[in-house]
């Protein structure tokens, strides 16, 4: 059995986004610009309201999907089409920006921990201008699978015959894995997919130690095999089928050519996105 090896380990950088929300940018940083089809991965987490209360006021997107997974905290989102939703502990917001949407994500929590992840998933060229849509997924709709070594929360893809509620427009999986100490974890992932794990509690061993706050990019072929040591570990496991298409980025817009990005800015400035 071939085991997937580590290609690279990324630490991420401290930055801010929105109106000043403190976060760690892991994908979309100078060290790892993207991992096809993943464009960005941010972790936000603080028990200081000053780090997150400014939130993300109205801003546009086009050409990709955002997947926001809340471990702790409460955020309310609204968009230019009149949609409104509420993120709570353990919930997921799956937004397909498609041809364009303007939305806001504002915290409603004034004390306590707000922590989670936002992942940007690219859309293929043929789907970049589809209708925008939302899926607000409450925690009770996200299956959790208990197994001998721990448990897995299945946001998208299939784990031990259980399929998560996320409906990506490309092949991908997204699992939140909690492992007991001194455990071994193995999983078959579709061959040829780009795969990463991001450890947010404890550490895991995969020939090398992946510490808390580190992302490991894995080889495209083989089985994932890792172990824990004398402490528990928690990590997100994400894998996706590469699109292998040109990527042109301009802030909140991700298209295939620079001209398409400039058109997105023009549409936004002319108020067209407000009418989509």
C-alpha atoms as a PDB file:
ATOM      1  CA  UNK A   1       0.000   0.000   0.000  1.00  0.00           C
ATOM      2  CA  UNK A   2       1.435   3.328  -1.080  1.00  0.00           C
ATOM      3  CA  UNK A   3       1.107   6.039   1.565  1.00  0.00           C
ATOM      4  CA  UNK A   4       0.729   9.689   0.742  1.00  0.00           C
ATOM      5  CA  UNK A   5       3.805  11.613   1.785  1.00  0.00           C
ATOM      6  CA  UNK A   6       4.046  15.232   2.825  1.00  0.00           C
ATOM      7  CA  UNK A   7       4.965  17.580  -0.008  1.00  0.00           C
ATOM      8  CA  UNK A   8       5.174  20.710   2.097  1.00  0.00           C
ATOM      9  CA  UNK A   9       4.252  22.092   5.520  1.00  0.00           C
ATOM     10  CA  UNK A  10       2.811  25.622   5.669  1.00  0.00           C
ATOM     11  CA  UNK A  11       2.681  27.758   8.799  1.00  0.00           C
ATOM     12  CA  UNK A  12       0.325  30.499   7.614  1.00  0.00           C
ATOM     13  CA  UNK A  13       0.593  34.225   8.316  1.00  0.00           C
ATOM     14  CA  UNK A  14      -1.188  36.530  10.721  1.00  0.00           C
ATOM     15  CA  UNK A  15      -3.264  39.159   8.932  1.00  0.00           C
ATOM     16  CA  UNK A  16      -6.667  40.822   8.979  1.00  0.00           C
ATOM     17  CA  UNK A  17      -9.570  41.044   6.580  1.00  0.00           C
ATOM     18  CA  UNK A  18     -13.007  42.598   6.356  1.00  0.00           C
ATOM     19  CA  UNK A  19     -13.213  45.564   8.718  1.00  0.00           C
ATOM     20  CA  UNK A  20     -10.251  44.355  10.739  1.00  0.00           C
ATOM     21  CA  UNK A  21     -10.980  40.752  11.725  1.00  0.00           C
ATOM     22  CA  UNK A  22      -7.796  39.077  12.951  1.00  0.00           C
ATOM     23  CA  UNK A  23      -7.084  35.769  11.241  1.00  0.00           C
ATOM     24  CA  UNK A  24      -4.450  33.329  10.035  1.00  0.00           C
ATOM     25  CA  UNK A  25      -4.178  32.934   6.263  1.00  0.00           C
ATOM     26  CA  UNK A  26      -2.840  29.529   5.301  1.00  0.00           C
ATOM     27  CA  UNK A  27      -3.805  29.122   1.634  1.00  0.00           C
ATOM     28  CA  UNK A  28      -3.670  32.370  -0.315  1.00  0.00           C
ATOM     29  CA  UNK A  29      -0.447  33.375   1.435  1.00  0.00           C
ATOM     30  CA  UNK A  30       2.956  34.044  -0.149  1.00  0.00           C
ATOM     31  CA  UNK A  31       4.069  30.554   0.896  1.00  0.00           C
ATOM     32  CA  UNK A  32       1.074  28.781  -0.681  1.00  0.00           C
ATOM     33  CA  UNK A  33      -0.816  30.910  -3.207  1.00  0.00           C
ATOM     34  CA  UNK A  34      -3.362  28.172  -4.010  1.00  0.00           C
ATOM     35  CA  UNK A  35      -3.774  24.409  -4.100  1.00  0.00           C
ATOM     36  CA  UNK A  36      -6.023  23.701  -7.076  1.00  0.00           C
ATOM     37  CA  UNK A  37      -9.043  23.848  -6.687  1.00  0.00           C
ATOM     38  CA  UNK A  38      -8.603  25.609  -3.307  1.00  0.00           C
ATOM     39  CA  UNK A  39      -7.966  29.336  -3.501  1.00  0.00           C
ATOM     40  CA  UNK A  40      -7.860  30.393   0.143  1.00  0.00           C
ATOM     41  CA  UNK A  41      -8.047  29.006   3.679  1.00  0.00           C
ATOM     42  CA  UNK A  42      -8.395  31.300   6.675  1.00  0.00           C
ATOM     43  CA  UNK A  43      -8.632  30.355  10.327  1.00  0.00           C
ATOM     44  CA  UNK A  44     -10.179  32.924  12.615  1.00  0.00           C
ATOM     45  CA  UNK A  45     -10.253  32.424  16.358  1.00  0.00           C
ATOM     46  CA  UNK A  46     -10.211  34.693  19.379  1.00  0.00           C
ATOM     47  CA  UNK A  47     -11.989  35.193  22.681  1.00  0.00           C
ATOM     48  CA  UNK A  48     -11.327  38.938  22.418  1.00  0.00           C
ATOM     49  CA  UNK A  49     -14.311  40.669  20.747  1.00  0.00           C
ATOM     50  CA  UNK A  50     -11.986  43.383  19.450  1.00  0.00           C
ATOM     51  CA  UNK A  51     -10.474  40.768  17.121  1.00  0.00           C
ATOM     52  CA  UNK A  52     -13.740  39.906  15.378  1.00  0.00           C
ATOM     53  CA  UNK A  53     -16.590  42.298  16.182  1.00  0.00           C
ATOM     54  CA  UNK A  54     -15.919  44.555  13.166  1.00  0.00           C
ATOM     55  CA  UNK A  55     -16.915  41.611  10.980  1.00  0.00           C
ATOM     56  CA  UNK A  56     -17.118  41.567   7.200  1.00  0.00           C
ATOM     57  CA  UNK A  57     -19.342  44.422   5.942  1.00  0.00           C
ATOM     58  CA  UNK A  58     -20.942  44.151   2.457  1.00  0.00           C
ATOM     59  CA  UNK A  59     -18.443  42.973  -0.165  1.00  0.00           C
ATOM     60  CA  UNK A  60     -18.701  41.282  -3.583  1.00  0.00           C
ATOM     61  CA  UNK A  61     -17.685  37.871  -4.903  1.00  0.00           C
ATOM     62  CA  UNK A  62     -17.722  36.212  -8.317  1.00  0.00           C
ATOM     63  CA  UNK A  63     -16.420  32.953  -9.756  1.00  0.00           C
ATOM     64  CA  UNK A  64     -16.055  30.601  -6.768  1.00  0.00           C
ATOM     65  CA  UNK A  65     -17.657  29.122  -3.649  1.00  0.00           C
ATOM     66  CA  UNK A  66     -17.038  29.975   0.006  1.00  0.00           C
ATOM     67  CA  UNK A  67     -17.425  27.397   2.759  1.00  0.00           C
ATOM     68  CA  UNK A  68     -17.546  28.859   6.264  1.00  0.00           C
ATOM     69  CA  UNK A  69     -17.348  26.353   9.123  1.00  0.00           C
ATOM     70  CA  UNK A  70     -18.016  27.735  12.596  1.00  0.00           C
ATOM     71  CA  UNK A  71     -16.500  25.819  15.485  1.00  0.00           C
ATOM     72  CA  UNK A  72     -17.648  28.449  17.979  1.00  0.00           C
ATOM     73  CA  UNK A  73     -19.491  31.752  17.708  1.00  0.00           C
ATOM     74  CA  UNK A  74     -22.400  33.376  15.971  1.00  0.00           C
ATOM     75  CA  UNK A  75     -22.418  35.296  12.685  1.00  0.00           C
ATOM     76  CA  UNK A  76     -25.339  36.636  10.660  1.00  0.00           C
ATOM     77  CA  UNK A  77     -25.037  36.975   6.906  1.00  0.00           C
ATOM     78  CA  UNK A  78     -27.122  38.931   4.400  1.00  0.00           C
ATOM     79  CA  UNK A  79     -26.828  39.403   0.662  1.00  0.00           C
ATOM     80  CA  UNK A  80     -27.930  41.690  -2.147  1.00  0.00           C
ATOM     81  CA  UNK A  81     -30.670  39.244  -3.178  1.00  0.00           C
ATOM     82  CA  UNK A  82     -32.385  39.523   0.186  1.00  0.00           C
ATOM     83  CA  UNK A  83     -31.127  36.214   1.590  1.00  0.00           C
ATOM     84  CA  UNK A  84     -30.314  36.073   5.275  1.00  0.00           C
ATOM     85  CA  UNK A  85     -28.880  33.313   7.448  1.00  0.00           C
ATOM     86  CA  UNK A  86     -27.418  32.616  10.831  1.00  0.00           C
ATOM     87  CA  UNK A  87     -24.203  30.752  11.650  1.00  0.00           C
ATOM     88  CA  UNK A  88     -23.931  29.161  15.102  1.00  0.00           C
ATOM     89  CA  UNK A  89     -21.589  26.688  16.827  1.00  0.00           C
ATOM     90  CA  UNK A  90     -20.901  23.760  14.505  1.00  0.00           C
ATOM     91  CA  UNK A  91     -22.787  25.143  11.505  1.00  0.00           C
ATOM     92  CA  UNK A  92     -21.692  25.672   7.893  1.00  0.00           C
ATOM     93  CA  UNK A  93     -22.545  28.323   5.310  1.00  0.00           C
ATOM     94  CA  UNK A  94     -21.980  27.157   1.748  1.00  0.00           C
ATOM     95  CA  UNK A  95     -22.196  30.085  -0.640  1.00  0.00           C
ATOM     96  CA  UNK A  96     -21.877  29.756  -4.396  1.00  0.00           C
ATOM     97  CA  UNK A  97     -21.027  33.237  -5.659  1.00  0.00           C
ATOM     98  CA  UNK A  98     -21.369  32.234  -9.306  1.00  0.00           C
ATOM     99  CA  UNK A  99     -21.857  35.266 -11.530  1.00  0.00           C
ATOM    100  CA  UNK A 100     -21.966  37.582  -8.570  1.00  0.00           C
ATOM    101  CA  UNK A 101     -23.247  38.392  -5.115  1.00  0.00           C
ATOM    102  CA  UNK A 102     -22.718  41.117  -2.519  1.00  0.00           C
ATOM    103  CA  UNK A 103     -22.961  39.871   1.038  1.00  0.00           C
ATOM    104  CA  UNK A 104     -21.993  40.664   4.603  1.00  0.00           C
ATOM    105  CA  UNK A 105     -20.954  38.453   7.513  1.00  0.00           C
ATOM    106  CA  UNK A 106     -21.334  40.171  10.857  1.00  0.00           C
ATOM    107  CA  UNK A 107     -20.801  38.668  14.326  1.00  0.00           C
ATOM    108  CA  UNK A 108     -23.595  38.793  16.886  1.00  0.00           C
ATOM    109  CA  UNK A 109     -21.461  37.551  19.734  1.00  0.00           C
ATOM    110  CA  UNK A 110     -20.099  40.212  22.103  1.00  0.00           C
ATOM    111  CA  UNK A 111     -18.122  37.929  24.390  1.00  0.00           C
ATOM    112  CA  UNK A 112     -16.594  34.480  24.331  1.00  0.00           C
ATOM    113  CA  UNK A 113     -14.768  32.553  21.659  1.00  0.00           C
ATOM    114  CA  UNK A 114     -15.452  33.002  17.946  1.00  0.00           C
ATOM    115  CA  UNK A 115     -13.531  30.404  15.945  1.00  0.00           C
ATOM    116  CA  UNK A 116     -13.794  28.782  12.553  1.00  0.00           C
ATOM    117  CA  UNK A 117     -12.539  28.422   9.004  1.00  0.00           C
ATOM    118  CA  UNK A 118     -13.345  29.890   5.632  1.00  0.00           C
ATOM    119  CA  UNK A 119     -12.354  27.945   2.522  1.00  0.00           C
ATOM    120  CA  UNK A 120     -12.594  29.267  -1.046  1.00  0.00           C
ATOM    121  CA  UNK A 121     -13.352  26.574  -3.624  1.00  0.00           C
ATOM    122  CA  UNK A 122     -12.819  27.506  -7.264  1.00  0.00           C
ATOM    123  CA  UNK A 123     -15.541  27.000  -9.859  1.00  0.00           C
ATOM    124  CA  UNK A 124     -14.652  25.587 -13.284  1.00  0.00           C
ATOM    125  CA  UNK A 125     -14.829  27.923 -16.259  1.00  0.00           C
ATOM    126  CA  UNK A 126     -18.161  26.505 -17.452  1.00  0.00           C
ATOM    127  CA  UNK A 127     -19.800  27.232 -14.073  1.00  0.00           C
ATOM    128  CA  UNK A 128     -18.320  30.593 -13.095  1.00  0.00           C
ATOM    129  CA  UNK A 129     -21.396  32.539 -14.200  1.00  0.00           C
ATOM    130  CA  UNK A 130     -24.086  30.283 -12.728  1.00  0.00           C
ATOM    131  CA  UNK A 131     -26.794  31.719 -10.469  1.00  0.00           C
ATOM    132  CA  UNK A 132     -25.565  32.535  -6.958  1.00  0.00           C
ATOM    133  CA  UNK A 133     -26.965  30.437  -4.120  1.00  0.00           C
ATOM    134  CA  UNK A 134     -26.705  29.782  -0.381  1.00  0.00           C
ATOM    135  CA  UNK A 135     -26.956  26.675   1.751  1.00  0.00           C
ATOM    136  CA  UNK A 136     -27.129  27.282   5.496  1.00  0.00           C
ATOM    137  CA  UNK A 137     -26.362  23.955   7.150  1.00  0.00           C
ATOM    138  CA  UNK A 138     -27.183  23.692  10.884  1.00  0.00           C
ATOM    139  CA  UNK A 139     -25.059  21.378  13.053  1.00  0.00           C
ATOM    140  CA  UNK A 140     -27.871  18.845  13.418  1.00  0.00           C
ATOM    141  CA  UNK A 141     -27.791  18.356   9.627  1.00  0.00           C
ATOM    142  CA  UNK A 142     -24.065  17.563   9.557  1.00  0.00           C
ATOM    143  CA  UNK A 143     -23.450  13.862  10.281  1.00  0.00           C
ATOM    144  CA  UNK A 144     -20.855  12.768  12.818  1.00  0.00           C
ATOM    145  CA  UNK A 145     -19.359   9.294  12.528  1.00  0.00           C
ATOM    146  CA  UNK A 146     -17.904   7.641  15.639  1.00  0.00           C
ATOM    147  CA  UNK A 147     -15.157   5.088  15.085  1.00  0.00           C
ATOM    148  CA  UNK A 148     -12.683   3.295  17.321  1.00  0.00           C
ATOM    149  CA  UNK A 149      -9.976   5.964  17.119  1.00  0.00           C
ATOM    150  CA  UNK A 150     -12.221   9.044  17.343  1.00  0.00           C
ATOM    151  CA  UNK A 151     -14.952  10.755  15.364  1.00  0.00           C
ATOM    152  CA  UNK A 152     -15.419  12.540  12.043  1.00  0.00           C
ATOM    153  CA  UNK A 153     -17.771  15.385  11.171  1.00  0.00           C
ATOM    154  CA  UNK A 154     -18.676  15.051   7.490  1.00  0.00           C
ATOM    155  CA  UNK A 155     -19.218  18.455   5.844  1.00  0.00           C
ATOM    156  CA  UNK A 156     -18.795  17.208   2.276  1.00  0.00           C
ATOM    157  CA  UNK A 157     -17.845  13.939   0.635  1.00  0.00           C
ATOM    158  CA  UNK A 158     -18.277  10.441   2.068  1.00  0.00           C
ATOM    159  CA  UNK A 159     -16.696   8.818   5.124  1.00  0.00           C
ATOM    160  CA  UNK A 160     -17.410   5.181   6.024  1.00  0.00           C
ATOM    161  CA  UNK A 161     -20.512   5.229   3.854  1.00  0.00           C
ATOM    162  CA  UNK A 162     -21.881   8.478   5.333  1.00  0.00           C
ATOM    163  CA  UNK A 163     -22.171  11.491   3.001  1.00  0.00           C
ATOM    164  CA  UNK A 164     -22.099  15.080   4.188  1.00  0.00           C
ATOM    165  CA  UNK A 165     -24.634  17.763   3.229  1.00  0.00           C
ATOM    166  CA  UNK A 166     -22.235  20.012   1.298  1.00  0.00           C
ATOM    167  CA  UNK A 167     -22.868  19.993  -2.432  1.00  0.00           C
ATOM    168  CA  UNK A 168     -19.752  21.238  -4.219  1.00  0.00           C
ATOM    169  CA  UNK A 169     -19.810  21.821  -7.968  1.00  0.00           C
ATOM    170  CA  UNK A 170     -16.512  19.942  -8.299  1.00  0.00           C
ATOM    171  CA  UNK A 171     -15.170  16.759  -6.744  1.00  0.00           C
ATOM    172  CA  UNK A 172     -14.092  17.446  -3.155  1.00  0.00           C
ATOM    173  CA  UNK A 173     -14.341  16.272   0.446  1.00  0.00           C
ATOM    174  CA  UNK A 174     -14.221  18.166   3.740  1.00  0.00           C
ATOM    175  CA  UNK A 175     -14.015  16.294   7.056  1.00  0.00           C
ATOM    176  CA  UNK A 176     -13.334  17.502  10.599  1.00  0.00           C
ATOM    177  CA  UNK A 177     -11.433  14.688  12.325  1.00  0.00           C
ATOM    178  CA  UNK A 178     -11.009  14.283  16.095  1.00  0.00           C
ATOM    179  CA  UNK A 179      -8.581  11.530  17.145  1.00  0.00           C
ATOM    180  CA  UNK A 180      -7.817  10.031  20.530  1.00  0.00           C
ATOM    181  CA  UNK A 181      -4.241   9.873  21.778  1.00  0.00           C
ATOM    182  CA  UNK A 182      -2.043   7.013  20.550  1.00  0.00           C
ATOM    183  CA  UNK A 183      -4.325   6.405  17.564  1.00  0.00           C
ATOM    184  CA  UNK A 184      -3.809   5.408  13.954  1.00  0.00           C
ATOM    185  CA  UNK A 185      -5.941   6.864  11.158  1.00  0.00           C
ATOM    186  CA  UNK A 186      -6.168   5.648   7.564  1.00  0.00           C
ATOM    187  CA  UNK A 187      -8.365   6.860   4.716  1.00  0.00           C
ATOM    188  CA  UNK A 188      -8.524   6.219   1.004  1.00  0.00           C
ATOM    189  CA  UNK A 189      -8.809   9.476  -0.937  1.00  0.00           C
ATOM    190  CA  UNK A 190      -9.551   9.606  -4.682  1.00  0.00           C
ATOM    191  CA  UNK A 191      -6.316   9.264  -6.590  1.00  0.00           C
ATOM    192  CA  UNK A 192      -5.048  12.417  -8.302  1.00  0.00           C
ATOM    193  CA  UNK A 193      -6.805  14.767  -5.877  1.00  0.00           C
ATOM    194  CA  UNK A 194      -4.920  17.524  -4.103  1.00  0.00           C
ATOM    195  CA  UNK A 195      -5.145  16.942  -0.357  1.00  0.00           C
ATOM    196  CA  UNK A 196      -4.278  18.890   2.767  1.00  0.00           C
ATOM    197  CA  UNK A 197      -4.751  18.562   6.489  1.00  0.00           C
ATOM    198  CA  UNK A 198      -4.769  21.533   8.842  1.00  0.00           C
ATOM    199  CA  UNK A 199      -4.152  20.741  12.513  1.00  0.00           C
ATOM    200  CA  UNK A 200      -5.980  23.046  14.899  1.00  0.00           C
ATOM    201  CA  UNK A 201      -5.487  21.109  18.153  1.00  0.00           C
ATOM    202  CA  UNK A 202      -2.608  18.830  19.171  1.00  0.00           C
ATOM    203  CA  UNK A 203      -0.326  17.372  16.521  1.00  0.00           C
ATOM    204  CA  UNK A 204      -0.150  14.354  14.212  1.00  0.00           C
ATOM    205  CA  UNK A 205       2.630  12.230  12.769  1.00  0.00           C
ATOM    206  CA  UNK A 206       2.956  11.497   9.062  1.00  0.00           C
ATOM    207  CA  UNK A 207       6.653  10.608   8.844  1.00  0.00           C
ATOM    208  CA  UNK A 208       7.083  14.179  10.106  1.00  0.00           C
ATOM    209  CA  UNK A 209       5.257  15.957  12.918  1.00  0.00           C
ATOM    210  CA  UNK A 210       2.508  18.351  11.875  1.00  0.00           C
ATOM    211  CA  UNK A 211       1.964  20.742  14.749  1.00  0.00           C
ATOM    212  CA  UNK A 212      -1.030  22.820  15.746  1.00  0.00           C
ATOM    213  CA  UNK A 213      -1.396  25.730  13.318  1.00  0.00           C
ATOM    214  CA  UNK A 214       0.333  23.946  10.443  1.00  0.00           C
ATOM    215  CA  UNK A 215      -1.065  22.787   7.097  1.00  0.00           C
ATOM    216  CA  UNK A 216       0.440  19.778   5.353  1.00  0.00           C
ATOM    217  CA  UNK A 217       0.115  19.420   1.585  1.00  0.00           C
ATOM    218  CA  UNK A 218       0.118  15.742   0.632  1.00  0.00           C
ATOM    219  CA  UNK A 219       1.002  13.818  -2.510  1.00  0.00           C
ATOM    220  CA  UNK A 220      -1.771  13.235  -5.044  1.00  0.00           C
ATOM    221  CA  UNK A 221      -1.582   9.443  -4.891  1.00  0.00           C
ATOM    222  CA  UNK A 222      -1.761   6.851  -2.143  1.00  0.00           C
ATOM    223  CA  UNK A 223      -3.622   6.289   1.127  1.00  0.00           C
ATOM    224  CA  UNK A 224      -3.598   8.784   3.987  1.00  0.00           C
ATOM    225  CA  UNK A 225      -1.985   7.185   7.050  1.00  0.00           C
ATOM    226  CA  UNK A 226      -1.188   9.154  10.191  1.00  0.00           C
ATOM    227  CA  UNK A 227      -0.908   8.683  13.943  1.00  0.00           C
ATOM    228  CA  UNK A 228      -1.288  10.673  17.135  1.00  0.00           C
ATOM    229  CA  UNK A 229       1.015  10.639  20.134  1.00  0.00           C
ATOM    230  CA  UNK A 230       0.363  11.242  23.797  1.00  0.00           C
ATOM    231  CA  UNK A 231      -2.367  13.828  23.223  1.00  0.00           C
ATOM    232  CA  UNK A 232      -5.581  14.107  21.245  1.00  0.00           C
ATOM    233  CA  UNK A 233      -5.556  15.778  17.828  1.00  0.00           C
ATOM    234  CA  UNK A 234      -8.126  17.687  15.791  1.00  0.00           C
ATOM    235  CA  UNK A 235      -7.697  18.622  12.141  1.00  0.00           C
ATOM    236  CA  UNK A 236      -9.647  19.377   9.014  1.00  0.00           C
ATOM    237  CA  UNK A 237      -9.030  17.061   6.093  1.00  0.00           C
ATOM    238  CA  UNK A 238      -9.807  18.555   2.687  1.00  0.00           C
ATOM    239  CA  UNK A 239      -9.239  17.113  -0.780  1.00  0.00           C
ATOM    240  CA  UNK A 240     -10.350  18.133  -4.244  1.00  0.00           C
ATOM    241  CA  UNK A 241     -10.051  17.277  -7.905  1.00  0.00           C
ATOM    242  CA  UNK A 242      -7.753  19.783  -9.670  1.00  0.00           C
ATOM    243  CA  UNK A 243      -9.462  21.897 -12.328  1.00  0.00           C
ATOM    244  CA  UNK A 244      -6.210  22.491 -14.242  1.00  0.00           C
ATOM    245  CA  UNK A 245      -7.521  25.782 -15.649  1.00  0.00           C
ATOM    246  CA  UNK A 246      -6.003  29.268 -15.765  1.00  0.00           C
ATOM    247  CA  UNK A 247      -6.706  31.347 -12.645  1.00  0.00           C
ATOM    248  CA  UNK A 248      -6.945  35.145 -12.675  1.00  0.00           C
ATOM    249  CA  UNK A 249      -7.510  36.738  -9.278  1.00  0.00           C
ATOM    250  CA  UNK A 250      -8.524  40.237  -8.384  1.00  0.00           C
ATOM    251  CA  UNK A 251      -9.426  40.584  -4.712  1.00  0.00           C
ATOM    252  CA  UNK A 252     -12.949  39.166  -4.342  1.00  0.00           C
ATOM    253  CA  UNK A 253     -13.173  37.992  -7.958  1.00  0.00           C
ATOM    254  CA  UNK A 254     -11.634  34.789  -9.352  1.00  0.00           C
ATOM    255  CA  UNK A 255     -11.969  34.185 -13.091  1.00  0.00           C
ATOM    256  CA  UNK A 256      -9.940  32.575 -15.882  1.00  0.00           C
ATOM    257  CA  UNK A 257      -8.576  35.722 -17.554  1.00  0.00           C
ATOM    258  CA  UNK A 258      -7.552  39.202 -16.471  1.00  0.00           C
ATOM    259  CA  UNK A 259     -10.170  40.668 -18.801  1.00  0.00           C
ATOM    260  CA  UNK A 260     -12.901  38.725 -16.976  1.00  0.00           C
ATOM    261  CA  UNK A 261     -11.655  40.048 -13.635  1.00  0.00           C
ATOM    262  CA  UNK A 262     -11.720  43.628 -14.963  1.00  0.00           C
ATOM    263  CA  UNK A 263     -15.264  43.027 -16.217  1.00  0.00           C
ATOM    264  CA  UNK A 264     -16.261  41.877 -12.721  1.00  0.00           C
ATOM    265  CA  UNK A 265     -14.889  45.103 -11.204  1.00  0.00           C
ATOM    266  CA  UNK A 266     -16.751  47.125 -13.842  1.00  0.00           C
ATOM    267  CA  UNK A 267     -19.994  45.274 -13.145  1.00  0.00           C
ATOM    268  CA  UNK A 268     -19.575  45.907  -9.417  1.00  0.00           C
ATOM    269  CA  UNK A 269     -18.832  49.614  -9.894  1.00  0.00           C
ATOM    270  CA  UNK A 270     -21.849  49.967 -12.211  1.00  0.00           C
ATOM    271  CA  UNK A 271     -24.161  48.370  -9.659  1.00  0.00           C
ATOM    272  CA  UNK A 272     -24.835  45.285 -11.761  1.00  0.00           C
ATOM    273  CA  UNK A 273     -23.947  42.863  -8.979  1.00  0.00           C
ATOM    274  CA  UNK A 274     -26.634  44.487  -6.796  1.00  0.00           C
ATOM    275  CA  UNK A 275     -29.236  43.391  -9.342  1.00  0.00           C
ATOM    276  CA  UNK A 276     -28.121  39.773  -9.694  1.00  0.00           C
END
